[in-house]
């Protein structure tokens, strides 16, 4: 049965503040945020960090600390993408290579680059 909080609205049992809400920092902005909004309001669950990072980049032009993208660059045309997850970048690279017969280089700050070529 719900109980009342200080404002008098119903609060479901077990919804007490969680102590281990993920935190993210940005040295360039000199700020730190918790991801409560992404978890509670946006309800993005496991994608909370990714959602915050993408929103931060969209609003500031840079990613927060510790976030780097996977970059897929075509070696023959100006097409390229940035993704926060490797799978998305590789999927784009494979699709581009299959449809255009172009080689695509996939890179990340922590990994060696990989060349994706058309496969039959």
PDB file of N, CA and C in Angstrom:
ATOM      1  N   UNK A   1       0.842  -1.178   0.000  1.00  0.00           N
ATOM      2  CA  UNK A   1       0.000   0.000   0.000  1.00  0.00           C
ATOM      3  C   UNK A   1       0.890   1.245   0.000  1.00  0.00           C
ATOM      4  N   UNK A   2       0.611   2.244  -0.861  1.00  0.00           N
ATOM      5  CA  UNK A   2       1.438   3.446  -0.922  1.00  0.00           C
ATOM      6  C   UNK A   2       1.364   4.243   0.370  1.00  0.00           C
ATOM      7  N   UNK A   3       2.459   4.942   0.644  1.00  0.00           N
ATOM      8  CA  UNK A   3       2.505   5.845   1.795  1.00  0.00           C
ATOM      9  C   UNK A   3       2.672   7.258   1.291  1.00  0.00           C
ATOM     10  N   UNK A   4       2.416   8.236   2.142  1.00  0.00           N
ATOM     11  CA  UNK A   4       2.549   9.633   1.742  1.00  0.00           C
ATOM     12  C   UNK A   4       3.973  10.106   1.969  1.00  0.00           C
ATOM     13  N   UNK A   5       4.453  10.944   1.049  1.00  0.00           N
ATOM     14  CA  UNK A   5       5.747  11.590   1.261  1.00  0.00           C
ATOM     15  C   UNK A   5       5.489  12.973   1.844  1.00  0.00           C
ATOM     16  N   UNK A   6       6.522  13.789   1.970  1.00  0.00           N
ATOM     17  CA  UNK A   6       6.381  15.119   2.594  1.00  0.00           C
ATOM     18  C   UNK A   6       5.387  16.016   1.872  1.00  0.00           C
ATOM     19  N   UNK A   7       5.241  15.838   0.556  1.00  0.00           N
ATOM     20  CA  UNK A   7       4.323  16.693  -0.193  1.00  0.00           C
ATOM     21  C   UNK A   7       2.899  16.156  -0.168  1.00  0.00           C
ATOM     22  N   UNK A   8       2.698  14.964   0.411  1.00  0.00           N
ATOM     23  CA  UNK A   8       1.370  14.413   0.506  1.00  0.00           C
ATOM     24  C   UNK A   8       0.966  13.562  -0.673  1.00  0.00           C
ATOM     25  N   UNK A   9       1.843  13.317  -1.654  1.00  0.00           N
ATOM     26  CA  UNK A   9       1.478  12.479  -2.789  1.00  0.00           C
ATOM     27  C   UNK A   9       1.843  11.031  -2.492  1.00  0.00           C
ATOM     28  N   UNK A  10       1.165  10.128  -3.146  1.00  0.00           N
ATOM     29  CA  UNK A  10       1.384   8.709  -2.919  1.00  0.00           C
ATOM     30  C   UNK A  10       2.751   8.287  -3.443  1.00  0.00           C
ATOM     31  N   UNK A  11       3.453   7.505  -2.647  1.00  0.00           N
ATOM     32  CA  UNK A  11       4.760   6.977  -3.012  1.00  0.00           C
ATOM     33  C   UNK A  11       4.692   5.468  -2.840  1.00  0.00           C
ATOM     34  N   UNK A  12       4.985   4.696  -3.873  1.00  0.00           N
ATOM     35  CA  UNK A  12       4.930   3.246  -3.732  1.00  0.00           C
ATOM     36  C   UNK A  12       5.960   2.740  -2.737  1.00  0.00           C
ATOM     37  N   UNK A  13       5.646   1.649  -2.019  1.00  0.00           N
ATOM     38  CA  UNK A  13       6.624   1.112  -1.077  1.00  0.00           C
ATOM     39  C   UNK A  13       7.892   0.693  -1.805  1.00  0.00           C
ATOM     40  N   UNK A  14       9.036   0.849  -1.152  1.00  0.00           N
ATOM     41  CA  UNK A  14      10.313   0.455  -1.739  1.00  0.00           C
ATOM     42  C   UNK A  14      10.882   1.465  -2.707  1.00  0.00           C
ATOM     43  N   UNK A  15      10.265   2.629  -2.837  1.00  0.00           N
ATOM     44  CA  UNK A  15      10.784   3.616  -3.786  1.00  0.00           C
ATOM     45  C   UNK A  15      11.662   4.645  -3.110  1.00  0.00           C
ATOM     46  N   UNK A  16      12.202   4.298  -1.939  1.00  0.00           N
ATOM     47  CA  UNK A  16      13.110   5.212  -1.240  1.00  0.00           C
ATOM     48  C   UNK A  16      14.270   5.559  -2.154  1.00  0.00           C
ATOM     49  N   UNK A  17      14.906   6.678  -1.904  1.00  0.00           N
ATOM     50  CA  UNK A  17      16.042   7.101  -2.731  1.00  0.00           C
ATOM     51  C   UNK A  17      17.097   6.006  -2.774  1.00  0.00           C
ATOM     52  N   UNK A  18      17.604   5.756  -3.945  1.00  0.00           N
ATOM     53  CA  UNK A  18      18.643   4.768  -4.149  1.00  0.00           C
ATOM     54  C   UNK A  18      19.979   5.461  -3.965  1.00  0.00           C
ATOM     55  N   UNK A  19      20.870   4.817  -3.203  1.00  0.00           N
ATOM     56  CA  UNK A  19      22.169   5.415  -2.923  1.00  0.00           C
ATOM     57  C   UNK A  19      23.178   5.242  -4.046  1.00  0.00           C
ATOM     58  N   UNK A  20      22.959   4.299  -4.943  1.00  0.00           N
ATOM     59  CA  UNK A  20      23.971   4.012  -5.947  1.00  0.00           C
ATOM     60  C   UNK A  20      23.565   4.451  -7.351  1.00  0.00           C
ATOM     61  N   UNK A  21      22.916   5.605  -7.452  1.00  0.00           N
ATOM     62  CA  UNK A  21      22.578   6.160  -8.764  1.00  0.00           C
ATOM     63  C   UNK A  21      23.889   6.545  -9.456  1.00  0.00           C
ATOM     64  N   UNK A  22      24.072   6.119 -10.705  1.00  0.00           N
ATOM     65  CA  UNK A  22      25.320   6.431 -11.411  1.00  0.00           C
ATOM     66  C   UNK A  22      25.568   7.943 -11.496  1.00  0.00           C
ATOM     67  N   UNK A  23      26.838   8.302 -11.393  1.00  0.00           N
ATOM     68  CA  UNK A  23      27.273   9.696 -11.506  1.00  0.00           C
ATOM     69  C   UNK A  23      28.144   9.819 -12.749  1.00  0.00           C
ATOM     70  N   UNK A  24      28.088  10.996 -13.364  1.00  0.00           N
ATOM     71  CA  UNK A  24      28.919  11.271 -14.537  1.00  0.00           C
ATOM     72  C   UNK A  24      29.494  12.673 -14.382  1.00  0.00           C
ATOM     73  N   UNK A  25      30.734  12.851 -14.802  1.00  0.00           N
ATOM     74  CA  UNK A  25      31.399  14.144 -14.662  1.00  0.00           C
ATOM     75  C   UNK A  25      31.850  14.663 -16.018  1.00  0.00           C
ATOM     76  N   UNK A  26      32.061  15.975 -16.062  1.00  0.00           N
ATOM     77  CA  UNK A  26      32.630  16.593 -17.242  1.00  0.00           C
ATOM     78  C   UNK A  26      33.625  17.645 -16.762  1.00  0.00           C
ATOM     79  N   UNK A  27      34.886  17.349 -16.966  1.00  0.00           N
ATOM     80  CA  UNK A  27      35.941  18.267 -16.552  1.00  0.00           C
ATOM     81  C   UNK A  27      35.852  19.586 -17.309  1.00  0.00           C
ATOM     82  N   UNK A  28      35.510  19.524 -18.594  1.00  0.00           N
ATOM     83  CA  UNK A  28      35.412  20.751 -19.396  1.00  0.00           C
ATOM     84  C   UNK A  28      34.334  21.679 -18.859  1.00  0.00           C
ATOM     85  N   UNK A  29      33.226  21.114 -18.404  1.00  0.00           N
ATOM     86  CA  UNK A  29      32.133  21.926 -17.841  1.00  0.00           C
ATOM     87  C   UNK A  29      32.337  22.203 -16.355  1.00  0.00           C
ATOM     88  N   UNK A  30      33.215  21.428 -15.724  1.00  0.00           N
ATOM     89  CA  UNK A  30      33.438  21.590 -14.293  1.00  0.00           C
ATOM     90  C   UNK A  30      32.226  21.181 -13.472  1.00  0.00           C
ATOM     91  N   UNK A  31      31.495  20.154 -13.937  1.00  0.00           N
ATOM     92  CA  UNK A  31      30.264  19.738 -13.258  1.00  0.00           C
ATOM     93  C   UNK A  31      30.184  18.234 -13.118  1.00  0.00           C
ATOM     94  N   UNK A  32      29.249  17.823 -12.274  1.00  0.00           N
ATOM     95  CA  UNK A  32      28.969  16.418 -12.032  1.00  0.00           C
ATOM     96  C   UNK A  32      27.459  16.245 -11.971  1.00  0.00           C
ATOM     97  N   UNK A  33      26.954  15.157 -12.511  1.00  0.00           N
ATOM     98  CA  UNK A  33      25.517  14.901 -12.517  1.00  0.00           C
ATOM     99  C   UNK A  33      25.259  13.477 -12.068  1.00  0.00           C
ATOM    100  N   UNK A  34      24.085  13.250 -11.457  1.00  0.00           N
ATOM    101  CA  UNK A  34      23.645  11.877 -11.266  1.00  0.00           C
ATOM    102  C   UNK A  34      22.637  11.592 -12.377  1.00  0.00           C
ATOM    103  N   UNK A  35      22.365  10.347 -12.618  1.00  0.00           N
ATOM    104  CA  UNK A  35      21.524   9.970 -13.745  1.00  0.00           C
ATOM    105  C   UNK A  35      20.083   9.663 -13.327  1.00  0.00           C
ATOM    106  N   UNK A  36      19.640  10.276 -12.232  1.00  0.00           N
ATOM    107  CA  UNK A  36      18.284  10.069 -11.745  1.00  0.00           C
ATOM    108  C   UNK A  36      17.245  10.452 -12.793  1.00  0.00           C
ATOM    109  N   UNK A  37      17.431  11.573 -13.464  1.00  0.00           N
ATOM    110  CA  UNK A  37      16.467  12.027 -14.476  1.00  0.00           C
ATOM    111  C   UNK A  37      16.317  10.991 -15.592  1.00  0.00           C
ATOM    112  N   UNK A  38      17.462  10.488 -16.093  1.00  0.00           N
ATOM    113  CA  UNK A  38      17.421   9.507 -17.178  1.00  0.00           C
ATOM    114  C   UNK A  38      16.756   8.206 -16.719  1.00  0.00           C
ATOM    115  N   UNK A  39      16.993   7.828 -15.466  1.00  0.00           N
ATOM    116  CA  UNK A  39      16.413   6.590 -14.947  1.00  0.00           C
ATOM    117  C   UNK A  39      14.930   6.747 -14.618  1.00  0.00           C
ATOM    118  N   UNK A  40      14.565   7.827 -13.930  1.00  0.00           N
ATOM    119  CA  UNK A  40      13.190   7.999 -13.460  1.00  0.00           C
ATOM    120  C   UNK A  40      12.274   8.633 -14.493  1.00  0.00           C
ATOM    121  N   UNK A  41      12.674   9.751 -15.070  1.00  0.00           N
ATOM    122  CA  UNK A  41      11.806  10.490 -15.980  1.00  0.00           C
ATOM    123  C   UNK A  41      11.821   9.927 -17.406  1.00  0.00           C
ATOM    124  N   UNK A  42      13.018   9.642 -17.905  1.00  0.00           N
ATOM    125  CA  UNK A  42      13.113   9.121 -19.271  1.00  0.00           C
ATOM    126  C   UNK A  42      12.930   7.605 -19.326  1.00  0.00           C
ATOM    127  N   UNK A  43      13.121   6.945 -18.192  1.00  0.00           N
ATOM    128  CA  UNK A  43      12.970   5.492 -18.077  1.00  0.00           C
ATOM    129  C   UNK A  43      13.777   4.744 -19.134  1.00  0.00           C
ATOM    130  N   UNK A  44      15.047   5.134 -19.305  1.00  0.00           N
ATOM    131  CA  UNK A  44      15.888   4.493 -20.315  1.00  0.00           C
ATOM    132  C   UNK A  44      16.726   3.349 -19.753  1.00  0.00           C
ATOM    133  N   UNK A  45      16.634   3.091 -18.474  1.00  0.00           N
ATOM    134  CA  UNK A  45      17.277   1.929 -17.863  1.00  0.00           C
ATOM    135  C   UNK A  45      18.758   1.832 -18.135  1.00  0.00           C
ATOM    136  N   UNK A  46      19.162   0.707 -18.733  1.00  0.00           N
ATOM    137  CA  UNK A  46      20.580   0.451 -18.983  1.00  0.00           C
ATOM    138  C   UNK A  46      21.211   1.437 -19.956  1.00  0.00           C
ATOM    139  N   UNK A  47      20.416   2.186 -20.672  1.00  0.00           N
ATOM    140  CA  UNK A  47      20.943   3.162 -21.624  1.00  0.00           C
ATOM    141  C   UNK A  47      21.047   4.558 -21.009  1.00  0.00           C
ATOM    142  N   UNK A  48      20.950   4.687 -19.685  1.00  0.00           N
ATOM    143  CA  UNK A  48      20.979   5.996 -19.030  1.00  0.00           C
ATOM    144  C   UNK A  48      22.274   6.745 -19.331  1.00  0.00           C
ATOM    145  N   UNK A  49      23.404   6.079 -19.213  1.00  0.00           N
ATOM    146  CA  UNK A  49      24.690   6.731 -19.478  1.00  0.00           C
ATOM    147  C   UNK A  49      24.778   7.165 -20.936  1.00  0.00           C
ATOM    148  N   UNK A  50      24.391   6.280 -21.841  1.00  0.00           N
ATOM    149  CA  UNK A  50      24.433   6.619 -23.261  1.00  0.00           C
ATOM    150  C   UNK A  50      23.510   7.794 -23.571  1.00  0.00           C
ATOM    151  N   UNK A  51      22.304   7.783 -23.016  1.00  0.00           N
ATOM    152  CA  UNK A  51      21.356   8.869 -23.261  1.00  0.00           C
ATOM    153  C   UNK A  51      21.907  10.196 -22.747  1.00  0.00           C
ATOM    154  N   UNK A  52      22.462  10.184 -21.533  1.00  0.00           N
ATOM    155  CA  UNK A  52      23.035  11.414 -20.986  1.00  0.00           C
ATOM    156  C   UNK A  52      24.193  11.893 -21.856  1.00  0.00           C
ATOM    157  N   UNK A  53      25.084  10.985 -22.238  1.00  0.00           N
ATOM    158  CA  UNK A  53      26.260  11.357 -23.035  1.00  0.00           C
ATOM    159  C   UNK A  53      25.848  11.963 -24.373  1.00  0.00           C
ATOM    160  N   UNK A  54      24.860  11.362 -25.027  1.00  0.00           N
ATOM    161  CA  UNK A  54      24.400  11.897 -26.310  1.00  0.00           C
ATOM    162  C   UNK A  54      23.740  13.265 -26.137  1.00  0.00           C
ATOM    163  N   UNK A  55      22.916  13.412 -25.106  1.00  0.00           N
ATOM    164  CA  UNK A  55      22.286  14.708 -24.832  1.00  0.00           C
ATOM    165  C   UNK A  55      23.339  15.761 -24.506  1.00  0.00           C
ATOM    166  N   UNK A  56      24.338  15.388 -23.711  1.00  0.00           N
ATOM    167  CA  UNK A  56      25.406  16.324 -23.330  1.00  0.00           C
ATOM    168  C   UNK A  56      26.168  16.778 -24.574  1.00  0.00           C
ATOM    169  N   UNK A  57      26.502  15.835 -25.442  1.00  0.00           N
ATOM    170  CA  UNK A  57      27.229  16.175 -26.658  1.00  0.00           C
ATOM    171  C   UNK A  57      26.386  17.074 -27.562  1.00  0.00           C
ATOM    172  N   UNK A  58      25.111  16.788 -27.653  1.00  0.00           N
ATOM    173  CA  UNK A  58      24.211  17.586 -28.499  1.00  0.00           C
ATOM    174  C   UNK A  58      24.121  19.026 -27.997  1.00  0.00           C
ATOM    175  N   UNK A  59      24.154  19.219 -26.677  1.00  0.00           N
ATOM    176  CA  UNK A  59      24.006  20.558 -26.101  1.00  0.00           C
ATOM    177  C   UNK A  59      25.320  21.305 -25.922  1.00  0.00           C
ATOM    178  N   UNK A  60      26.434  20.581 -25.773  1.00  0.00           N
ATOM    179  CA  UNK A  60      27.702  21.253 -25.486  1.00  0.00           C
ATOM    180  C   UNK A  60      28.736  21.096 -26.594  1.00  0.00           C
ATOM    181  N   UNK A  61      28.553  20.131 -27.466  1.00  0.00           N
ATOM    182  CA  UNK A  61      29.528  19.874 -28.523  1.00  0.00           C
ATOM    183  C   UNK A  61      30.637  18.932 -28.116  1.00  0.00           C
ATOM    184  N   UNK A  62      30.591  18.403 -26.892  1.00  0.00           N
ATOM    185  CA  UNK A  62      31.597  17.442 -26.448  1.00  0.00           C
ATOM    186  C   UNK A  62      30.938  16.395 -25.544  1.00  0.00           C
ATOM    187  N   UNK A  63      31.628  15.267 -25.388  1.00  0.00           N
ATOM    188  CA  UNK A  63      31.135  14.204 -24.520  1.00  0.00           C
ATOM    189  C   UNK A  63      31.667  14.392 -23.108  1.00  0.00           C
ATOM    190  N   UNK A  64      30.956  13.871 -22.114  1.00  0.00           N
ATOM    191  CA  UNK A  64      31.461  13.931 -20.739  1.00  0.00           C
ATOM    192  C   UNK A  64      32.695  13.041 -20.564  1.00  0.00           C
ATOM    193  N   UNK A  65      33.327  13.141 -19.418  1.00  0.00           N
ATOM    194  CA  UNK A  65      34.541  12.371 -19.117  1.00  0.00           C
ATOM    195  C   UNK A  65      34.304  10.874 -19.293  1.00  0.00           C
ATOM    196  N   UNK A  66      35.295  10.194 -19.841  1.00  0.00           N
ATOM    197  CA  UNK A  66      35.255   8.743 -19.953  1.00  0.00           C
ATOM    198  C   UNK A  66      34.381   8.205 -21.068  1.00  0.00           C
ATOM    199  N   UNK A  67      33.819   9.064 -21.895  1.00  0.00           N
ATOM    200  CA  UNK A  67      32.970   8.603 -22.991  1.00  0.00           C
ATOM    201  C   UNK A  67      33.676   8.897 -24.301  1.00  0.00           C
ATOM    202  N   UNK A  68      33.870   7.860 -25.096  1.00  0.00           N
ATOM    203  CA  UNK A  68      34.439   8.054 -26.421  1.00  0.00           C
ATOM    204  C   UNK A  68      33.632   7.235 -27.413  1.00  0.00           C
ATOM    205  N   UNK A  69      33.616   7.690 -28.621  1.00  0.00           N
ATOM    206  CA  UNK A  69      32.768   7.072 -29.636  1.00  0.00           C
ATOM    207  C   UNK A  69      33.542   6.093 -30.503  1.00  0.00           C
ATOM    208  N   UNK A  70      32.790   5.242 -31.140  1.00  0.00           N
ATOM    209  CA  UNK A  70      33.285   4.403 -32.213  1.00  0.00           C
ATOM    210  C   UNK A  70      33.045   5.176 -33.494  1.00  0.00           C
ATOM    211  N   UNK A  71      34.060   5.294 -34.312  1.00  0.00           N
ATOM    212  CA  UNK A  71      33.985   6.058 -35.554  1.00  0.00           C
ATOM    213  C   UNK A  71      34.116   5.100 -36.722  1.00  0.00           C
ATOM    214  N   UNK A  72      33.195   5.194 -37.666  1.00  0.00           N
ATOM    215  CA  UNK A  72      33.276   4.403 -38.903  1.00  0.00           C
ATOM    216  C   UNK A  72      33.401   5.383 -40.059  1.00  0.00           C
ATOM    217  N   UNK A  73      34.520   5.313 -40.772  1.00  0.00           N
ATOM    218  CA  UNK A  73      34.808   6.228 -41.884  1.00  0.00           C
ATOM    219  C   UNK A  73      35.015   5.441 -43.171  1.00  0.00           C
ATOM    220  N   UNK A  74      34.245   5.814 -44.188  1.00  0.00           N
ATOM    221  CA  UNK A  74      34.427   5.206 -45.500  1.00  0.00           C
ATOM    222  C   UNK A  74      35.740   5.718 -46.086  1.00  0.00           C
ATOM    223  N   UNK A  75      36.477   4.821 -46.718  1.00  0.00           N
ATOM    224  CA  UNK A  75      37.749   5.202 -47.325  1.00  0.00           C
ATOM    225  C   UNK A  75      37.594   5.756 -48.736  1.00  0.00           C
ATOM    226  N   UNK A  76      36.364   5.696 -49.298  1.00  0.00           N
ATOM    227  CA  UNK A  76      36.181   6.153 -50.674  1.00  0.00           C
ATOM    228  C   UNK A  76      35.209   7.319 -50.810  1.00  0.00           C
ATOM    229  N   UNK A  77      34.340   7.516 -49.877  1.00  0.00           N
ATOM    230  CA  UNK A  77      33.376   8.615 -49.969  1.00  0.00           C
ATOM    231  C   UNK A  77      33.302   9.323 -48.612  1.00  0.00           C
ATOM    232  N   UNK A  78      32.632  10.445 -48.519  1.00  0.00           N
ATOM    233  CA  UNK A  78      32.631  11.218 -47.274  1.00  0.00           C
ATOM    234  C   UNK A  78      31.703  10.674 -46.179  1.00  0.00           C
ATOM    235  N   UNK A  79      31.087   9.518 -46.376  1.00  0.00           N
ATOM    236  CA  UNK A  79      30.168   8.967 -45.384  1.00  0.00           C
ATOM    237  C   UNK A  79      30.913   8.507 -44.137  1.00  0.00           C
ATOM    238  N   UNK A  80      30.326   8.800 -42.975  1.00  0.00           N
ATOM    239  CA  UNK A  80      30.883   8.334 -41.708  1.00  0.00           C
ATOM    240  C   UNK A  80      29.808   8.421 -40.636  1.00  0.00           C
ATOM    241  N   UNK A  81      30.004   7.682 -39.542  1.00  0.00           N
ATOM    242  CA  UNK A  81      29.101   7.754 -38.393  1.00  0.00           C
ATOM    243  C   UNK A  81      29.913   7.658 -37.109  1.00  0.00           C
ATOM    244  N   UNK A  82      29.327   8.167 -36.045  1.00  0.00           N
ATOM    245  CA  UNK A  82      29.855   7.998 -34.700  1.00  0.00           C
ATOM    246  C   UNK A  82      28.789   7.283 -33.895  1.00  0.00           C
ATOM    247  N   UNK A  83      29.191   6.275 -33.153  1.00  0.00           N
ATOM    248  CA  UNK A  83      28.282   5.554 -32.284  1.00  0.00           C
ATOM    249  C   UNK A  83      28.958   5.344 -30.936  1.00  0.00           C
ATOM    250  N   UNK A  84      28.160   5.287 -29.892  1.00  0.00           N
ATOM    251  CA  UNK A  84      28.716   5.026 -28.572  1.00  0.00           C
ATOM    252  C   UNK A  84      28.972   3.540 -28.349  1.00  0.00           C
ATOM    253  N   UNK A  85      28.304   2.698 -29.086  1.00  0.00           N
ATOM    254  CA  UNK A  85      28.538   1.270 -28.936  1.00  0.00           C
ATOM    255  C   UNK A  85      29.194   0.711 -30.196  1.00  0.00           C
ATOM    256  N   UNK A  86      30.048  -0.261 -29.982  1.00  0.00           N
ATOM    257  CA  UNK A  86      30.799  -0.861 -31.084  1.00  0.00           C
ATOM    258  C   UNK A  86      29.869  -1.530 -32.088  1.00  0.00           C
ATOM    259  N   UNK A  87      28.869  -2.227 -31.589  1.00  0.00           N
ATOM    260  CA  UNK A  87      27.972  -2.970 -32.473  1.00  0.00           C
ATOM    261  C   UNK A  87      27.309  -2.067 -33.514  1.00  0.00           C
ATOM    262  N   UNK A  88      26.854  -0.893 -33.083  1.00  0.00           N
ATOM    263  CA  UNK A  88      26.209   0.038 -34.008  1.00  0.00           C
ATOM    264  C   UNK A  88      27.157   0.539 -35.086  1.00  0.00           C
ATOM    265  N   UNK A  89      28.385   0.829 -34.706  1.00  0.00           N
ATOM    266  CA  UNK A  89      29.373   1.310 -35.686  1.00  0.00           C
ATOM    267  C   UNK A  89      29.728   0.215 -36.676  1.00  0.00           C
ATOM    268  N   UNK A  90      29.923  -0.994 -36.177  1.00  0.00           N
ATOM    269  CA  UNK A  90      30.260  -2.107 -37.071  1.00  0.00           C
ATOM    270  C   UNK A  90      29.090  -2.467 -37.983  1.00  0.00           C
ATOM    271  N   UNK A  91      27.877  -2.401 -37.456  1.00  0.00           N
ATOM    272  CA  UNK A  91      26.699  -2.699 -38.281  1.00  0.00           C
ATOM    273  C   UNK A  91      26.594  -1.690 -39.428  1.00  0.00           C
ATOM    274  N   UNK A  92      26.801  -0.393 -39.117  1.00  0.00           N
ATOM    275  CA  UNK A  92      26.760   0.626 -40.166  1.00  0.00           C
ATOM    276  C   UNK A  92      27.863   0.360 -41.196  1.00  0.00           C
ATOM    277  N   UNK A  93      29.073   0.048 -40.714  1.00  0.00           N
ATOM    278  CA  UNK A  93      30.207  -0.198 -41.610  1.00  0.00           C
ATOM    279  C   UNK A  93      29.937  -1.386 -42.522  1.00  0.00           C
ATOM    280  N   UNK A  94      29.409  -2.463 -41.980  1.00  0.00           N
ATOM    281  CA  UNK A  94      29.118  -3.643 -42.792  1.00  0.00           C
ATOM    282  C   UNK A  94      28.038  -3.350 -43.827  1.00  0.00           C
ATOM    283  N   UNK A  95      27.007  -2.628 -43.425  1.00  0.00           N
ATOM    284  CA  UNK A  95      25.930  -2.279 -44.355  1.00  0.00           C
ATOM    285  C   UNK A  95      26.444  -1.369 -45.463  1.00  0.00           C
ATOM    286  N   UNK A  96      27.234  -0.360 -45.085  1.00  0.00           N
ATOM    287  CA  UNK A  96      27.794   0.556 -46.087  1.00  0.00           C
ATOM    288  C   UNK A  96      28.692  -0.210 -47.059  1.00  0.00           C
ATOM    289  N   UNK A  97      29.559  -1.061 -46.538  1.00  0.00           N
ATOM    290  CA  UNK A  97      30.465  -1.835 -47.395  1.00  0.00           C
ATOM    291  C   UNK A  97      29.672  -2.748 -48.330  1.00  0.00           C
ATOM    292  N   UNK A  98      28.629  -3.379 -47.830  1.00  0.00           N
ATOM    293  CA  UNK A  98      27.831  -4.294 -48.647  1.00  0.00           C
ATOM    294  C   UNK A  98      27.111  -3.559 -49.776  1.00  0.00           C
ATOM    295  N   UNK A  99      26.584  -2.375 -49.487  1.00  0.00           N
ATOM    296  CA  UNK A  99      25.803  -1.647 -50.486  1.00  0.00           C
ATOM    297  C   UNK A  99      26.649  -0.840 -51.464  1.00  0.00           C
ATOM    298  N   UNK A 100      27.841  -0.442 -51.072  1.00  0.00           N
ATOM    299  CA  UNK A 100      28.660   0.430 -51.923  1.00  0.00           C
ATOM    300  C   UNK A 100      29.930  -0.225 -52.444  1.00  0.00           C
ATOM    301  N   UNK A 101      30.296  -1.350 -51.860  1.00  0.00           N
ATOM    302  CA  UNK A 101      31.562  -2.019 -52.169  1.00  0.00           C
ATOM    303  C   UNK A 101      32.753  -1.132 -51.766  1.00  0.00           C
ATOM    304  N   UNK A 102      32.555  -0.281 -50.759  1.00  0.00           N
ATOM    305  CA  UNK A 102      33.628   0.570 -50.223  1.00  0.00           C
ATOM    306  C   UNK A 102      34.184  -0.066 -48.951  1.00  0.00           C
ATOM    307  N   UNK A 103      35.456   0.125 -48.699  1.00  0.00           N
ATOM    308  CA  UNK A 103      36.064  -0.298 -47.442  1.00  0.00           C
ATOM    309  C   UNK A 103      35.804   0.783 -46.391  1.00  0.00           C
ATOM    310  N   UNK A 104      35.512   0.354 -45.165  1.00  0.00           N
ATOM    311  CA  UNK A 104      35.205   1.270 -44.073  1.00  0.00           C
ATOM    312  C   UNK A 104      36.131   0.961 -42.903  1.00  0.00           C
ATOM    313  N   UNK A 105      36.744   2.005 -42.346  1.00  0.00           N
ATOM    314  CA  UNK A 105      37.618   1.845 -41.191  1.00  0.00           C
ATOM    315  C   UNK A 105      36.838   2.169 -39.928  1.00  0.00           C
ATOM    316  N   UNK A 106      36.898   1.248 -38.962  1.00  0.00           N
ATOM    317  CA  UNK A 106      36.220   1.432 -37.675  1.00  0.00           C
ATOM    318  C   UNK A 106      37.293   1.643 -36.612  1.00  0.00           C
ATOM    319  N   UNK A 107      37.192   2.764 -35.885  1.00  0.00           N
ATOM    320  CA  UNK A 107      38.197   3.097 -34.874  1.00  0.00           C
ATOM    321  C   UNK A 107      37.540   3.478 -33.553  1.00  0.00           C
ATOM    322  N   UNK A 108      38.319   3.333 -32.480  1.00  0.00           N
ATOM    323  CA  UNK A 108      37.904   3.716 -31.127  1.00  0.00           C
ATOM    324  C   UNK A 108      39.156   4.098 -30.362  1.00  0.00           C
ATOM    325  N   UNK A 109      39.002   4.963 -29.396  1.00  0.00           N
ATOM    326  CA  UNK A 109      40.153   5.453 -28.634  1.00  0.00           C
ATOM    327  C   UNK A 109      40.922   4.326 -27.941  1.00  0.00           C
ATOM    328  N   UNK A 110      40.231   3.272 -27.525  1.00  0.00           N
ATOM    329  CA  UNK A 110      40.862   2.200 -26.756  1.00  0.00           C
ATOM    330  C   UNK A 110      41.180   0.950 -27.566  1.00  0.00           C
ATOM    331  N   UNK A 111      40.937   0.966 -28.848  1.00  0.00           N
ATOM    332  CA  UNK A 111      41.087  -0.232 -29.667  1.00  0.00           C
ATOM    333  C   UNK A 111      41.919   0.062 -30.912  1.00  0.00           C
ATOM    334  N   UNK A 112      42.436  -0.996 -31.519  1.00  0.00           N
ATOM    335  CA  UNK A 112      43.078  -0.853 -32.823  1.00  0.00           C
ATOM    336  C   UNK A 112      41.989  -0.695 -33.867  1.00  0.00           C
ATOM    337  N   UNK A 113      42.297  -0.012 -34.935  1.00  0.00           N
ATOM    338  CA  UNK A 113      41.296   0.163 -35.990  1.00  0.00           C
ATOM    339  C   UNK A 113      41.101  -1.154 -36.741  1.00  0.00           C
ATOM    340  N   UNK A 114      39.917  -1.296 -37.305  1.00  0.00           N
ATOM    341  CA  UNK A 114      39.588  -2.490 -38.088  1.00  0.00           C
ATOM    342  C   UNK A 114      39.060  -2.040 -39.436  1.00  0.00           C
ATOM    343  N   UNK A 115      39.379  -2.789 -40.457  1.00  0.00           N
ATOM    344  CA  UNK A 115      38.912  -2.469 -41.805  1.00  0.00           C
ATOM    345  C   UNK A 115      37.776  -3.433 -42.152  1.00  0.00           C
ATOM    346  N   UNK A 116      36.626  -2.875 -42.505  1.00  0.00           N
ATOM    347  CA  UNK A 116      35.472  -3.671 -42.890  1.00  0.00           C
ATOM    348  C   UNK A 116      35.326  -3.574 -44.406  1.00  0.00           C
ATOM    349  N   UNK A 117      35.350  -4.733 -45.058  1.00  0.00           N
ATOM    350  CA  UNK A 117      35.196  -4.770 -46.510  1.00  0.00           C
ATOM    351  C   UNK A 117      33.990  -5.619 -46.861  1.00  0.00           C
ATOM    352  N   UNK A 118      33.530  -5.459 -48.081  1.00  0.00           N
ATOM    353  CA  UNK A 118      32.346  -6.190 -48.540  1.00  0.00           C
ATOM    354  C   UNK A 118      32.593  -7.685 -48.447  1.00  0.00           C
ATOM    355  N   UNK A 119      31.610  -8.374 -47.909  1.00  0.00           N
ATOM    356  CA  UNK A 119      31.693  -9.834 -47.880  1.00  0.00           C
ATOM    357  C   UNK A 119      30.462 -10.379 -48.607  1.00  0.00           C
ATOM    358  N   UNK A 120      30.657 -11.415 -49.303  1.00  0.00           N
ATOM    359  CA  UNK A 120      29.565 -12.028 -50.090  1.00  0.00           C
ATOM    360  C   UNK A 120      28.710 -12.879 -49.213  1.00  0.00           C
TER     361      UNK A 120
END
